[in-house]
Protein backbone atom coordinates (compact mmCIF):
# COMPACT_ATOMS: atom_id res chain seq x y z
CA MET A 1 61.80 118.71 103.35
CA GLU A 2 65.00 120.70 104.30
CA GLU A 3 68.24 119.22 102.93
CA PRO A 4 70.78 118.07 105.67
CA SER A 5 73.77 119.91 106.50
CA LYS A 6 76.83 119.07 104.54
CA ILE A 7 79.48 121.66 106.03
CA VAL A 8 79.13 122.77 109.43
CA ILE A 9 81.50 125.68 110.62
CA LYS A 10 81.42 126.91 114.21
CA ASN A 11 83.46 129.86 115.43
CA LEU A 12 86.31 129.22 113.20
CA THR A 13 89.25 131.55 113.74
CA LYS A 14 92.50 131.52 111.91
CA VAL A 15 95.60 133.73 113.32
CA PHE A 16 98.71 134.01 111.36
CA TYR A 17 102.00 134.83 113.31
CA LYS A 18 105.06 136.52 111.69
CA LYS A 19 108.09 137.65 113.85
CA GLU A 20 106.46 139.80 116.42
CA SER A 21 103.14 140.40 114.71
CA ARG A 22 99.84 138.57 114.24
CA VAL A 23 97.22 138.82 111.78
CA THR A 24 93.55 137.51 112.36
CA ALA A 25 92.40 136.16 108.88
CA LEU A 26 89.12 134.78 110.17
CA ASP A 27 87.19 135.68 113.18
CA ARG A 28 84.79 133.27 114.76
CA MET A 29 83.20 132.51 111.52
CA THR A 30 79.93 130.41 111.81
CA THR A 31 77.92 128.90 109.10
CA THR A 32 76.20 125.95 107.56
CA ILE A 33 75.96 124.62 104.07
CA LYS A 34 73.37 122.22 103.00
CA ASP A 35 74.04 119.02 100.96
CA GLY A 36 73.86 119.62 97.23
CA GLU A 37 73.98 123.62 97.83
CA PHE A 38 76.10 125.86 95.69
CA VAL A 39 77.29 128.59 97.80
CA CYS A 40 79.57 131.58 96.64
CA LEU A 41 81.75 133.52 98.95
CA VAL A 42 82.08 137.35 98.00
CA GLY A 43 84.12 139.76 100.06
CA PRO A 44 87.06 142.26 99.72
CA SER A 45 90.50 141.25 99.08
CA GLY A 46 92.14 140.03 102.02
CA CYS A 47 89.11 138.87 104.03
CA GLY A 48 90.14 135.31 104.41
CA LYS A 49 88.11 133.65 101.73
CA THR A 50 90.91 131.50 100.50
CA THR A 51 92.17 130.80 103.97
CA LEU A 52 88.71 129.24 104.67
CA LEU A 53 88.85 127.15 101.67
CA ARG A 54 92.48 125.95 102.59
CA ILE A 55 91.10 124.99 106.10
CA LEU A 56 88.24 123.03 104.71
CA ALA A 57 90.73 121.55 102.28
CA GLY A 58 93.07 120.29 105.14
CA LEU A 59 95.85 122.54 103.88
CA GLU A 60 95.63 124.88 106.77
CA LYS A 61 94.83 124.31 110.47
CA ALA A 62 92.39 126.52 112.28
CA SER A 63 93.59 128.23 115.35
CA THR A 64 90.39 127.78 117.28
CA GLY A 65 86.75 126.78 116.44
CA SER A 66 85.77 123.60 114.50
CA TYR A 67 84.31 122.61 111.03
CA GLN A 68 82.83 119.31 109.94
CA ILE A 69 82.22 117.86 106.51
CA VAL A 70 79.48 115.47 107.03
CA PRO A 71 79.97 112.23 105.06
CA SER A 72 77.42 110.50 102.98
CA GLY A 73 78.52 107.04 104.36
CA LYS A 74 80.06 106.01 100.92
CA ASP A 75 83.85 105.40 100.33
CA ARG A 76 84.34 109.05 98.92
CA PRO A 77 86.91 111.63 99.58
CA LEU A 78 86.00 114.65 101.80
CA GLN A 79 86.89 117.31 99.25
CA SER A 80 88.60 118.31 96.01
CA MET A 81 89.86 122.01 95.42
CA VAL A 82 89.84 123.69 92.04
CA PHE A 83 92.49 126.57 92.07
CA GLN A 84 92.54 129.78 90.18
CA GLU A 85 95.36 128.46 88.08
CA LYS A 86 98.35 126.05 88.03
CA GLY A 87 96.16 123.17 89.11
CA VAL A 88 97.11 120.72 86.54
CA ILE A 89 100.15 118.44 86.80
CA PRO A 90 102.43 119.42 83.96
CA TRP A 91 103.94 115.90 83.30
CA LEU A 92 100.77 114.21 82.96
CA THR A 93 98.40 114.08 79.80
CA VAL A 94 94.81 115.59 80.10
CA LYS A 95 93.34 111.94 80.51
CA GLU A 96 96.04 111.14 83.22
CA ASN A 97 95.27 114.50 85.07
CA VAL A 98 91.55 113.77 85.13
CA ALA A 99 92.23 110.15 86.46
CA PHE A 100 94.92 111.27 88.88
CA GLY A 101 92.61 111.30 91.98
CA LEU A 102 90.94 107.95 91.12
CA LYS A 103 94.30 106.20 90.75
CA MET A 104 95.42 107.63 94.12
CA ARG A 105 92.36 105.88 95.58
CA LYS A 106 93.27 102.59 94.07
CA LEU A 107 89.87 102.16 92.53
CA PRO A 108 89.34 99.41 89.84
CA LYS A 109 90.64 100.15 86.44
CA SER A 110 87.19 99.87 85.00
CA ILE A 111 85.77 102.43 87.22
CA ILE A 112 88.87 104.63 86.70
CA GLN A 113 88.38 104.26 82.88
CA GLU A 114 84.46 105.02 83.00
CA ARG A 115 84.49 108.14 85.07
CA THR A 116 87.61 109.40 83.36
CA ASP A 117 85.89 109.03 79.87
CA TYR A 118 82.60 110.31 81.04
CA TYR A 119 84.01 113.70 82.43
CA LEU A 120 86.35 114.09 79.41
CA LYS A 121 83.13 114.10 77.30
CA LYS A 122 81.30 116.20 79.84
CA THR A 123 84.01 118.95 79.77
CA GLY A 124 84.66 118.73 76.02
CA LEU A 125 88.29 117.35 76.32
CA ASN A 126 87.78 114.06 74.41
CA GLU A 127 90.01 115.40 71.58
CA SER A 128 92.59 116.70 73.75
CA ALA A 129 92.95 113.72 76.21
CA SER A 130 96.45 112.72 74.89
CA LEU A 131 97.81 116.30 75.06
CA TYR A 132 100.15 117.73 77.93
CA PRO A 133 99.20 121.02 79.73
CA LYS A 134 101.79 122.99 78.04
CA GLU A 135 99.88 122.47 74.94
CA LEU A 136 96.53 123.91 76.35
CA SER A 137 94.86 127.13 76.72
CA GLY A 138 94.02 128.62 79.99
CA GLY A 139 90.35 127.64 79.50
CA MET A 140 91.36 124.33 78.59
CA LYS A 141 93.36 123.69 81.76
CA GLN A 142 90.63 124.86 83.91
CA ARG A 143 88.40 122.36 82.12
CA VAL A 144 90.94 119.67 83.21
CA SER A 145 90.91 120.78 86.80
CA ILE A 146 86.94 120.64 86.69
CA ALA A 147 86.83 117.41 85.15
CA ARG A 148 89.38 115.67 87.73
CA ALA A 149 87.48 117.36 90.70
CA PHE A 150 84.21 115.85 89.77
CA ALA A 151 85.66 112.60 88.53
CA ASN A 152 87.01 112.01 91.95
CA ASP A 153 83.43 112.28 93.36
CA PRO A 154 84.28 114.19 96.50
CA GLU A 155 81.76 114.89 99.31
CA ILE A 156 82.32 118.78 98.63
CA LEU A 157 83.90 120.77 96.08
CA LEU A 158 86.04 123.73 96.97
CA MET A 159 86.54 126.30 94.15
CA ASP A 160 89.08 129.33 94.40
CA GLU A 161 88.26 131.95 91.72
CA PRO A 162 88.74 129.16 89.11
CA PHE A 163 87.65 131.37 86.21
CA ALA A 164 89.23 134.78 87.37
CA ALA A 165 92.17 134.74 85.04
CA LEU A 166 90.03 133.82 81.79
CA ASP A 167 88.73 136.05 79.17
CA GLU A 168 84.97 136.80 79.08
CA GLN A 169 84.05 134.32 76.50
CA ASN A 170 85.82 131.57 78.01
CA LYS A 171 84.42 132.39 81.25
CA PHE A 172 80.77 132.27 80.18
CA ILE A 173 81.41 128.84 78.45
CA LEU A 174 83.00 127.43 81.52
CA GLN A 175 80.26 128.73 83.88
CA GLU A 176 77.72 127.05 81.86
CA GLU A 177 79.47 123.70 81.67
CA LEU A 178 80.13 123.99 85.48
CA LEU A 179 76.50 124.59 86.08
CA ALA A 180 75.34 121.68 83.77
CA ILE A 181 77.70 119.22 85.51
CA TRP A 182 76.52 120.74 89.03
CA THR A 183 72.81 120.17 87.88
CA GLU A 184 73.46 116.52 87.26
CA THR A 185 75.73 115.87 90.36
CA LYS A 186 74.19 118.13 92.91
CA LYS A 187 77.57 118.26 94.34
CA THR A 188 78.01 120.62 97.50
CA VAL A 189 80.20 123.49 96.27
CA LEU A 190 81.74 126.28 98.12
CA PHE A 191 83.05 128.82 95.34
CA ILE A 192 85.06 132.15 95.95
CA THR A 193 84.51 134.88 93.34
CA HIS A 194 85.01 138.50 93.12
CA SER A 195 82.49 138.81 90.31
CA ILE A 196 78.93 139.70 91.47
CA ASP A 197 77.54 138.67 88.14
CA GLU A 198 79.09 135.23 88.66
CA ALA A 199 77.93 134.60 92.14
CA LEU A 200 74.41 135.76 91.05
CA LEU A 201 74.53 133.28 88.07
CA LEU A 202 76.06 130.30 89.96
CA ALA A 203 74.82 130.51 93.58
CA ASP A 204 71.76 129.34 95.57
CA ARG A 205 73.04 131.44 98.44
CA ILE A 206 75.77 134.28 98.51
CA LEU A 207 77.82 134.70 101.74
CA LEU A 208 79.05 138.20 102.13
CA MET A 209 82.42 138.47 104.20
CA SER A 210 83.69 141.57 106.16
CA ALA A 211 86.98 143.09 105.59
CA GLN A 212 89.81 141.65 107.70
CA PRO A 213 89.35 139.76 110.00
CA GLY A 214 87.06 137.88 107.96
CA LYS A 215 83.57 136.73 109.26
CA ILE A 216 80.33 136.41 107.62
CA ALA A 217 78.44 139.76 107.51
CA SER A 218 75.31 138.67 105.88
CA GLU A 219 73.84 136.30 103.24
CA ILE A 220 71.70 136.44 100.13
CA GLN A 221 69.35 133.82 98.74
CA VAL A 222 69.16 133.79 94.86
CA HIS A 223 65.83 133.11 93.94
CA LEU A 224 66.13 133.17 90.29
CA PRO A 225 64.92 129.81 88.89
CA ARG A 226 67.31 127.36 87.39
CA PRO A 227 68.57 126.92 84.75
CA ARG A 228 69.47 130.36 84.53
CA THR A 229 71.63 132.29 81.95
CA MET A 230 73.87 135.58 82.45
CA GLU A 231 71.25 137.44 80.26
CA GLN A 232 68.30 136.49 82.65
CA VAL A 233 70.51 137.65 85.70
CA ARG A 234 71.19 140.99 84.27
CA ALA A 235 67.59 141.24 83.14
CA ASP A 236 65.94 140.32 86.51
CA GLN A 237 64.91 143.22 89.00
CA GLY A 238 65.50 141.23 92.06
CA ALA A 239 69.10 140.05 90.79
CA ALA A 240 69.64 143.89 90.04
CA ALA A 241 68.68 144.89 93.58
CA ALA A 242 70.97 142.09 94.87
CA PHE A 243 73.82 143.29 92.74
CA MET A 244 73.51 146.75 94.21
CA GLU A 245 73.40 145.46 97.82
CA ILE A 246 76.55 143.32 97.13
CA ARG A 247 78.39 146.18 95.48
CA LYS A 248 77.62 148.56 98.49
CA HIS A 249 78.47 145.82 100.87
CA LEU A 250 82.08 145.55 99.11
CA GLN A 251 82.42 149.45 99.10
CA ASP A 252 81.50 149.77 102.67
CA GLU A 253 83.91 147.24 103.69
CA VAL A 254 86.78 148.46 101.67
CA GLN A 255 86.21 151.90 102.97
CA ALA A 256 86.06 150.84 106.59
CA SER A 257 89.32 148.93 106.17
CA ARG A 258 91.06 152.11 105.21
CA GLU A 259 89.74 154.01 108.26
């Protein structure tokens, strides 16, 4: 049985106006993302990936077209967003950061405590619960952002290159932790990355975007069974072929944008 749609995007266009010029960031983008699907967006810089996430997060308004996040019928927020950096609130402790969304929803204290403690444990933040962001490494701050997003139990999770600024070791650890939590929650995730390896490791499906104005040029279904590791991704012939296809797409789009 096919999973129902969770995100439906139809002819979504976003135009930015500046003085006497206009820039079309997204051009009639249309796609559907299934409930529980992990989808990665890959495309050249400036193709509108972040703009799309900001529209879905309610931080930008589309110029034309429409999108819908289909609610599950429960009293849950539509989305949570994890940014590349600076996503934590500096004057709150780790625990207070993780609990922030739940408190804003005015949930019962027992539920806030239970969910906060659960995701502190799942992300390895137990021992750091009373620390402030200034006392944390970059990797630990991203753990806080991920724990807060999942604790808030949104309909969808939007992630804008959350691991891009981390060193390789921290990146691998957080990728594994993210996949472990996602496997348990089956949250619908839309994840921006410039790393082809990362997309092949995380995604059920990869959407390849064109250079500006951004639209979906093609998509790749990732057939590697889960759970999967980076070693398996790099050793798999099908993944290697997909890697080359994605890399060629990016090279072609960058070249086309310069002509």
